[in-house]
C-alpha atoms as a PDB file:
ATOM      1  CA  MET A   1      39.091  10.001  -3.541  1.00  0.00           C
ATOM      2  CA  THR A   2      42.622  12.524  -3.735  1.00  0.00           C
ATOM      3  CA  GLY A   3      43.367  12.927  -7.493  1.00  0.00           C
ATOM      4  CA  VAL A   4      40.654  11.319  -8.667  1.00  0.00           C
ATOM      5  CA  LEU A   5      38.488  13.693 -11.226  1.00  0.00           C
ATOM      6  CA  ARG A   6      34.682  14.246 -10.907  1.00  0.00           C
ATOM      7  CA  PHE A   7      32.241  15.423 -12.848  1.00  0.00           C
ATOM      8  CA  ARG A   8      28.609  16.681 -12.665  1.00  0.00           C
ATOM      9  CA  PRO A   9      25.983  14.687 -14.492  1.00  0.00           C
ATOM     10  CA  GLY A  10      24.941  15.710 -17.784  1.00  0.00           C
ATOM     11  CA  MET A  11      28.435  17.538 -18.026  1.00  0.00           C
ATOM     12  CA  PRO A  12      28.840  17.430 -22.203  1.00  0.00           C
ATOM     13  CA  ASN A  13      31.756  15.744 -23.745  1.00  0.00           C
ATOM     14  CA  PRO A  14      34.754  15.838 -21.863  1.00  0.00           C
ATOM     15  CA  PRO A  15      38.515  16.085 -22.699  1.00  0.00           C
ATOM     16  CA  ALA A  16      39.944  12.797 -23.476  1.00  0.00           C
ATOM     17  CA  ALA A  17      41.823  11.977 -19.650  1.00  0.00           C
ATOM     18  CA  ASP A  18      38.652  13.194 -18.132  1.00  0.00           C
ATOM     19  CA  ARG A  19      36.361  10.967 -20.143  1.00  0.00           C
ATOM     20  CA  LEU A  20      38.921   7.730 -19.267  1.00  0.00           C
ATOM     21  CA  ALA A  21      38.719   8.802 -15.878  1.00  0.00           C
ATOM     22  CA  ARG A  22      34.922   9.432 -15.312  1.00  0.00           C
ATOM     23  CA  GLN A  23      34.749   5.702 -16.539  1.00  0.00           C
ATOM     24  CA  ILE A  24      37.502   3.918 -14.694  1.00  0.00           C
ATOM     25  CA  GLU A  25      34.542   5.449 -11.819  1.00  0.00           C
ATOM     26  CA  PHE A  26      31.621   3.780 -13.104  1.00  0.00           C
ATOM     27  CA  ILE A  27      33.351   0.886 -13.720  1.00  0.00           C
ATOM     28  CA  VAL A  28      34.888   1.143  -9.899  1.00  0.00           C
ATOM     29  CA  GLU A  29      31.312   1.425  -8.642  1.00  0.00           C
ATOM     30  CA  VAL A  30      29.509  -1.039 -10.511  1.00  0.00           C
ATOM     31  CA  ASP A  31      31.764  -3.910  -8.642  1.00  0.00           C
ATOM     32  CA  LYS A  32      29.122  -3.441  -5.990  1.00  0.00           C
ATOM     33  CA  LEU A  33      27.137  -5.433  -8.438  1.00  0.00           C
ATOM     34  CA  LYS A  34      28.991  -8.444  -6.782  1.00  0.00           C
ATOM     35  CA  ASP A  35      27.809  -7.629  -3.049  1.00  0.00           C
ATOM     36  CA  ILE A  36      24.095  -7.351  -3.993  1.00  0.00           C
ATOM     37  CA  PHE A  37      22.719 -10.742  -4.014  1.00  0.00           C
ATOM     38  CA  ARG A  38      19.511 -12.865  -4.832  1.00  0.00           C
ATOM     39  CA  GLN A  39      17.133 -15.863  -4.048  1.00  0.00           C
ATOM     40  CA  THR A  40      18.629 -18.193  -6.089  1.00  0.00           C
ATOM     41  CA  ILE A  41      20.879 -20.492  -4.909  1.00  0.00           C
ATOM     42  CA  THR A  42      23.825 -21.939  -7.230  1.00  0.00           C
ATOM     43  CA  SER A  43      23.485 -25.494  -8.585  1.00  0.00           C
ATOM     44  CA  ARG A  44      27.156 -26.818  -6.989  1.00  0.00           C
ATOM     45  CA  SER A  45      27.725 -24.785  -3.776  1.00  0.00           C
ATOM     46  CA  ARG A  46      24.558 -24.191  -2.778  1.00  0.00           C
ATOM     47  CA  ARG A  47      25.060 -20.432  -1.857  1.00  0.00           C
ATOM     48  CA  PRO A  48      23.090 -17.547  -2.637  1.00  0.00           C
ATOM     49  CA  GLU A  49      24.166 -16.136  -6.171  1.00  0.00           C
ATOM     50  CA  ASN A  50      25.125 -12.189  -6.777  1.00  0.00           C
ATOM     51  CA  ASP A  51      24.384  -9.871  -9.027  1.00  0.00           C
ATOM     52  CA  ALA A  52      27.420  -9.800 -10.956  1.00  0.00           C
ATOM     53  CA  GLU A  53      27.202 -13.580 -10.989  1.00  0.00           C
ATOM     54  CA  HIS A  54      23.689 -13.507 -13.090  1.00  0.00           C
ATOM     55  CA  SER A  55      24.287 -11.099 -15.136  1.00  0.00           C
ATOM     56  CA  TRP A  56      27.739 -13.236 -16.772  1.00  0.00           C
ATOM     57  CA  HIS A  57      25.297 -16.501 -16.844  1.00  0.00           C
ATOM     58  CA  LEU A  58      22.693 -14.719 -18.671  1.00  0.00           C
ATOM     59  CA  ALA A  59      25.102 -12.912 -20.765  1.00  0.00           C
ATOM     60  CA  LEU A  60      26.400 -16.521 -21.898  1.00  0.00           C
ATOM     61  CA  MET A  61      22.606 -17.969 -22.337  1.00  0.00           C
ATOM     62  CA  ILE A  62      21.852 -14.832 -24.679  1.00  0.00           C
ATOM     63  CA  VAL A  63      25.346 -16.182 -26.593  1.00  0.00           C
ATOM     64  CA  ILE A  64      23.831 -20.093 -26.303  1.00  0.00           C
ATOM     65  CA  LEU A  65      20.160 -19.700 -27.191  1.00  0.00           C
ATOM     66  CA  ALA A  66      19.836 -16.891 -29.158  1.00  0.00           C
ATOM     67  CA  GLU A  67      18.752 -19.492 -32.485  1.00  0.00           C
ATOM     68  CA  HIS A  68      16.018 -20.307 -30.600  1.00  0.00           C
ATOM     69  CA  SER A  69      14.266 -16.255 -30.678  1.00  0.00           C
ATOM     70  CA  ASN A  70      11.203 -15.878 -32.049  1.00  0.00           C
ATOM     71  CA  HIS A  71      12.639 -13.308 -34.083  1.00  0.00           C
ATOM     72  CA  GLN A  72      15.542 -13.713 -36.919  1.00  0.00           C
ATOM     73  CA  PRO A  73      18.170 -12.389 -36.681  1.00  0.00           C
ATOM     74  CA  LEU A  74      18.553 -10.606 -34.071  1.00  0.00           C
ATOM     75  CA  ASP A  75      21.459  -8.127 -32.789  1.00  0.00           C
ATOM     76  CA  VAL A  76      23.531 -10.294 -30.041  1.00  0.00           C
ATOM     77  CA  LEU A  77      25.693  -7.281 -28.795  1.00  0.00           C
ATOM     78  CA  ARG A  78      22.583  -5.329 -28.168  1.00  0.00           C
ATOM     79  CA  ILE A  79      20.979  -7.951 -26.286  1.00  0.00           C
ATOM     80  CA  LEU A  80      24.698  -8.630 -24.661  1.00  0.00           C
ATOM     81  CA  LYS A  81      24.725  -4.387 -23.221  1.00  0.00           C
ATOM     82  CA  MET A  82      21.323  -5.121 -22.777  1.00  0.00           C
ATOM     83  CA  VAL A  83      21.900  -8.017 -19.512  1.00  0.00           C
ATOM     84  CA  LEU A  84      25.040  -6.700 -18.704  1.00  0.00           C
ATOM     85  CA  ILE A  85      23.416  -3.109 -17.268  1.00  0.00           C
ATOM     86  CA  HIS A  86      20.489  -4.331 -16.963  1.00  0.00           C
ATOM     87  CA  ASP A  87      20.624  -5.058 -13.332  1.00  0.00           C
ATOM     88  CA  LEU A  88      22.900  -2.646 -12.162  1.00  0.00           C
ATOM     89  CA  VAL A  89      20.572  -0.497 -11.265  1.00  0.00           C
ATOM     90  CA  GLU A  90      20.152  -2.585  -8.083  1.00  0.00           C
ATOM     91  CA  ILE A  91      23.268  -0.727  -6.293  1.00  0.00           C
ATOM     92  CA  ASP A  92      20.600   1.259  -5.209  1.00  0.00           C
ATOM     93  CA  ALA A  93      17.556   0.163  -5.738  1.00  0.00           C
ATOM     94  CA  GLY A  94      17.969  -3.849  -4.123  1.00  0.00           C
ATOM     95  CA  ASP A  95      17.324  -6.905  -5.341  1.00  0.00           C
ATOM     96  CA  THR A  96      13.008  -7.223  -5.339  1.00  0.00           C
ATOM     97  CA  PHE A  97      12.537 -11.079  -5.771  1.00  0.00           C
ATOM     98  CA  ALA A  98       9.684 -11.824  -7.916  1.00  0.00           C
ATOM     99  CA  TYR A  99       7.073 -12.859  -5.849  1.00  0.00           C
ATOM    100  CA  ASP A 100       7.641 -10.189  -3.366  1.00  0.00           C
ATOM    101  CA  THR A 101       4.180  -8.243  -4.624  1.00  0.00           C
ATOM    102  CA  LYS A 102       4.643  -5.841  -2.072  1.00  0.00           C
ATOM    103  CA  ASN A 103       8.237  -4.830  -2.889  1.00  0.00           C
ATOM    104  CA  MET A 104       7.571  -4.964  -7.026  1.00  0.00           C
ATOM    105  CA  ALA A 105       4.725  -2.177  -6.412  1.00  0.00           C
ATOM    106  CA  THR A 106       7.336   0.178  -6.417  1.00  0.00           C
ATOM    107  CA  GLN A 107      10.724  -1.973  -8.100  1.00  0.00           C
ATOM    108  CA  HIS A 108      10.174   0.668 -11.700  1.00  0.00           C
ATOM    109  CA  GLU A 109      10.478   3.843  -9.442  1.00  0.00           C
ATOM    110  CA  ARG A 110      13.035   2.647  -7.557  1.00  0.00           C
ATOM    111  CA  GLU A 111      14.995   1.208 -10.215  1.00  0.00           C
ATOM    112  CA  SER A 112      14.588   4.336 -12.902  1.00  0.00           C
ATOM    113  CA  VAL A 113      15.634   6.628  -9.951  1.00  0.00           C
ATOM    114  CA  ALA A 114      18.973   4.308  -9.788  1.00  0.00           C
ATOM    115  CA  ALA A 115      19.376   3.962 -13.364  1.00  0.00           C
ATOM    116  CA  ASP A 116      19.679   8.100 -13.407  1.00  0.00           C
ATOM    117  CA  ARG A 117      22.187   7.890 -10.786  1.00  0.00           C
ATOM    118  CA  VAL A 118      24.582   5.056 -11.950  1.00  0.00           C
ATOM    119  CA  PHE A 119      24.600   5.660 -15.739  1.00  0.00           C
ATOM    120  CA  GLY A 120      24.909   9.237 -14.857  1.00  0.00           C
ATOM    121  CA  LEU A 121      28.337   8.579 -13.685  1.00  0.00           C
ATOM    122  CA  LEU A 122      29.723   8.010 -17.371  1.00  0.00           C
ATOM    123  CA  PRO A 123      30.209  10.211 -19.803  1.00  0.00           C
ATOM    124  CA  GLU A 124      26.583  12.033 -21.291  1.00  0.00           C
ATOM    125  CA  ASP A 125      26.891  10.070 -24.656  1.00  0.00           C
ATOM    126  CA  GLN A 126      27.619   6.530 -22.481  1.00  0.00           C
ATOM    127  CA  ALA A 127      24.991   7.582 -19.977  1.00  0.00           C
ATOM    128  CA  LYS A 128      22.300   8.160 -22.613  1.00  0.00           C
ATOM    129  CA  GLU A 129      22.755   4.678 -24.604  1.00  0.00           C
ATOM    130  CA  PHE A 130      22.764   2.867 -21.402  1.00  0.00           C
ATOM    131  CA  ARG A 131      19.577   4.724 -20.342  1.00  0.00           C
ATOM    132  CA  ALA A 132      18.155   3.694 -23.170  1.00  0.00           C
ATOM    133  CA  LEU A 133      18.954   0.157 -23.738  1.00  0.00           C
ATOM    134  CA  TRP A 134      17.895  -0.437 -20.124  1.00  0.00           C
ATOM    135  CA  ASP A 135      14.502   1.869 -20.649  1.00  0.00           C
ATOM    136  CA  GLU A 136      13.973  -0.856 -23.909  1.00  0.00           C
ATOM    137  CA  PHE A 137      14.751  -4.158 -21.161  1.00  0.00           C
ATOM    138  CA  GLU A 138      12.317  -2.601 -19.661  1.00  0.00           C
ATOM    139  CA  ALA A 139       9.221  -1.951 -22.216  1.00  0.00           C
ATOM    140  CA  ARG A 140       9.731  -5.058 -23.626  1.00  0.00           C
ATOM    141  CA  GLN A 141       8.628  -3.710 -27.114  1.00  0.00           C
ATOM    142  CA  THR A 142      11.928  -4.881 -29.730  1.00  0.00           C
ATOM    143  CA  PRO A 143      12.826  -8.469 -30.591  1.00  0.00           C
ATOM    144  CA  GLU A 144      15.729  -7.845 -28.327  1.00  0.00           C
ATOM    145  CA  SER A 145      14.236  -6.948 -25.707  1.00  0.00           C
ATOM    146  CA  ARG A 146      11.719  -9.703 -25.570  1.00  0.00           C
ATOM    147  CA  PHE A 147      14.396 -12.251 -25.858  1.00  0.00           C
ATOM    148  CA  ALA A 148      16.591 -10.736 -23.233  1.00  0.00           C
ATOM    149  CA  ALA A 149      13.746 -10.364 -21.091  1.00  0.00           C
ATOM    150  CA  GLY A 150      12.215 -13.990 -21.535  1.00  0.00           C
ATOM    151  CA  CYS A 151      16.033 -15.273 -20.689  1.00  0.00           C
ATOM    152  CA  ASP A 152      16.166 -13.358 -17.812  1.00  0.00           C
ATOM    153  CA  ARG A 153      12.750 -15.069 -16.682  1.00  0.00           C
ATOM    154  CA  PHE A 154      14.544 -18.707 -17.991  1.00  0.00           C
ATOM    155  CA  HIS A 155      17.320 -18.306 -15.552  1.00  0.00           C
ATOM    156  CA  PRO A 156      15.937 -18.568 -11.829  1.00  0.00           C
ATOM    157  CA  MET A 157      13.969 -20.944 -12.951  1.00  0.00           C
ATOM    158  CA  LEU A 158      16.378 -22.973 -14.474  1.00  0.00           C
ATOM    159  CA  LEU A 159      18.320 -22.372 -11.325  1.00  0.00           C
ATOM    160  CA  ASN A 160      15.688 -23.190  -8.877  1.00  0.00           C
ATOM    161  CA  CYS A 161      14.739 -26.535 -10.361  1.00  0.00           C
ATOM    162  CA  ARG A 162      18.214 -27.390 -10.165  1.00  0.00           C
ATOM    163  CA  THR A 163      18.514 -26.878  -6.498  1.00  0.00           C
ATOM    164  CA  GLN A 164      15.432 -28.635  -5.786  1.00  0.00           C
ATOM    165  CA  GLY A 165      13.129 -25.320  -5.870  1.00  0.00           C
ATOM    166  CA  HIS A 166      14.740 -24.010  -3.310  1.00  0.00           C
ATOM    167  CA  ALA A 167      13.450 -20.423  -3.469  1.00  0.00           C
ATOM    168  CA  TRP A 168      10.012 -21.286  -4.470  1.00  0.00           C
ATOM    169  CA  GLN A 169       9.807 -23.589  -1.363  1.00  0.00           C
ATOM    170  CA  LYS A 170      10.940 -20.956   0.849  1.00  0.00           C
ATOM    171  CA  HIS A 171       8.599 -18.285  -0.004  1.00  0.00           C
ATOM    172  CA  GLY A 172       5.799 -20.401  -0.394  1.00  0.00           C
ATOM    173  CA  VAL A 173       5.053 -20.254  -4.122  1.00  0.00           C
ATOM    174  CA  THR A 174       3.160 -22.668  -6.043  1.00  0.00           C
ATOM    175  CA  GLN A 175       2.682 -23.824 -10.019  1.00  0.00           C
ATOM    176  CA  ASP A 176       0.294 -20.927 -11.077  1.00  0.00           C
ATOM    177  CA  ARG A 177       2.513 -18.107  -9.988  1.00  0.00           C
ATOM    178  CA  VAL A 178       5.380 -19.493 -11.615  1.00  0.00           C
ATOM    179  CA  LEU A 179       3.866 -20.035 -14.763  1.00  0.00           C
ATOM    180  CA  ALA A 180       1.577 -16.574 -14.281  1.00  0.00           C
ATOM    181  CA  ARG A 181       4.994 -14.342 -13.397  1.00  0.00           C
ATOM    182  CA  ASN A 182       6.820 -15.859 -16.751  1.00  0.00           C
ATOM    183  CA  ALA A 183       4.736 -16.670 -19.279  1.00  0.00           C
ATOM    184  CA  HIS A 184       5.646 -13.190 -21.264  1.00  0.00           C
ATOM    185  CA  MET A 185       8.878 -15.812 -21.960  1.00  0.00           C
ATOM    186  CA  ALA A 186       6.844 -16.822 -24.795  1.00  0.00           C
ATOM    187  CA  GLU A 187       6.564 -13.244 -26.729  1.00  0.00           C
ATOM    188  CA  GLY A 188      10.906 -13.831 -26.792  1.00  0.00           C
ATOM    189  CA  SER A 189      11.198 -17.682 -27.646  1.00  0.00           C
ATOM    190  CA  LYS A 190       8.101 -19.838 -27.927  1.00  0.00           C
ATOM    191  CA  GLU A 191      10.214 -23.039 -27.794  1.00  0.00           C
ATOM    192  CA  LEU A 192      12.392 -21.312 -24.504  1.00  0.00           C
ATOM    193  CA  TRP A 193       8.609 -21.098 -22.685  1.00  0.00           C
ATOM    194  CA  ALA A 194       7.483 -25.068 -23.792  1.00  0.00           C
ATOM    195  CA  TYR A 195      10.657 -26.329 -22.476  1.00  0.00           C
ATOM    196  CA  ALA A 196      10.299 -24.144 -19.122  1.00  0.00           C
ATOM    197  CA  VAL A 197       6.563 -24.917 -18.729  1.00  0.00           C
ATOM    198  CA  ARG A 198       7.554 -28.957 -19.619  1.00  0.00           C
ATOM    199  CA  MET A 199      10.230 -27.900 -16.239  1.00  0.00           C
ATOM    200  CA  VAL A 200       7.991 -26.827 -14.171  1.00  0.00           C
ATOM    201  CA  ASP A 201       5.696 -29.918 -14.458  1.00  0.00           C
ATOM    202  CA  GLU A 202       8.643 -32.367 -13.675  1.00  0.00           C
ATOM    203  CA  CYS A 203       9.317 -30.369 -10.450  1.00  0.00           C
ATOM    204  CA  VAL A 204       5.648 -30.825  -9.744  1.00  0.00           C
ATOM    205  CA  ALA A 205       6.232 -34.281 -10.297  1.00  0.00           C
ATOM    206  CA  ASN A 206       9.505 -34.217  -8.074  1.00  0.00           C
ATOM    207  CA  GLY A 207       7.478 -32.645  -4.862  1.00  0.00           C
ATOM    208  CA  HIS A 208       9.834 -29.615  -5.472  1.00  0.00           C
ATOM    209  CA  LEU A 209       6.680 -26.914  -6.623  1.00  0.00           C
ATOM    210  CA  PRO A 210       3.481 -27.176  -4.933  1.00  0.00           C
ATOM    211  CA  PRO A 211       0.898 -27.554  -7.105  1.00  0.00           C
ATOM    212  CA  ALA A 212      -1.613 -24.742  -7.891  1.00  0.00           C
ATOM    213  CA  PRO A 213      -4.282 -24.549  -4.930  1.00  0.00           C
ATOM    214  CA  GLY A 214      -6.968 -27.053  -5.591  1.00  0.00           C
ATOM    215  CA  ASN A 215      -5.193 -28.055  -8.661  1.00  0.00           C
ATOM    216  CA  PRO A 216      -2.693 -31.374  -7.896  1.00  0.00           C
ATOM    217  CA  GLN A 217      -1.747 -32.521 -11.237  1.00  0.00           C
ATOM    218  CA  ARG A 218      -1.626 -29.999 -13.504  1.00  0.00           C
END
């Protein structure tokens, strides 16, 4: 792009004007998140949700539901940063469906490479901060990351339950797989996980989610 300053990853402490240009280029790059579509659909129009919409909805959930975390107090601003950036890697790596075992096997590797490139567009200090937050989210070792990851799992469960199990039915997902995949929600919020289990049971009862094989009634 003519007239736009570009930088090599790792270039330290750019001058103020150059730093701003680098930040703006990052902001333009992550606009691509709006074109990464997920398997879940929106509750009203029933069209596929994109990653940017997911990130916004998830951030709002964090603000509203933070009181239900197992650990108090929480650094809510830190969590908001995590959930706003955690899917930016999907600009390169694409969205990996939660029950696609083949692509899940390489998901972290693909997304780690993407994290290096996408966050590397920022000035060095911000690139390091964002990469550290992304790694923290992935590791789920802190109260903030456990709650963030739990809400990240709850969000598609909620949309699936409110759209008659759309993605679950489309891909032949059963009740036992949903519960096994999302059980770590309890690490962040036992209360939210209990709600999710009741929600899934209701989906099964309503015929929107097939029960576990050999177990027609949980």
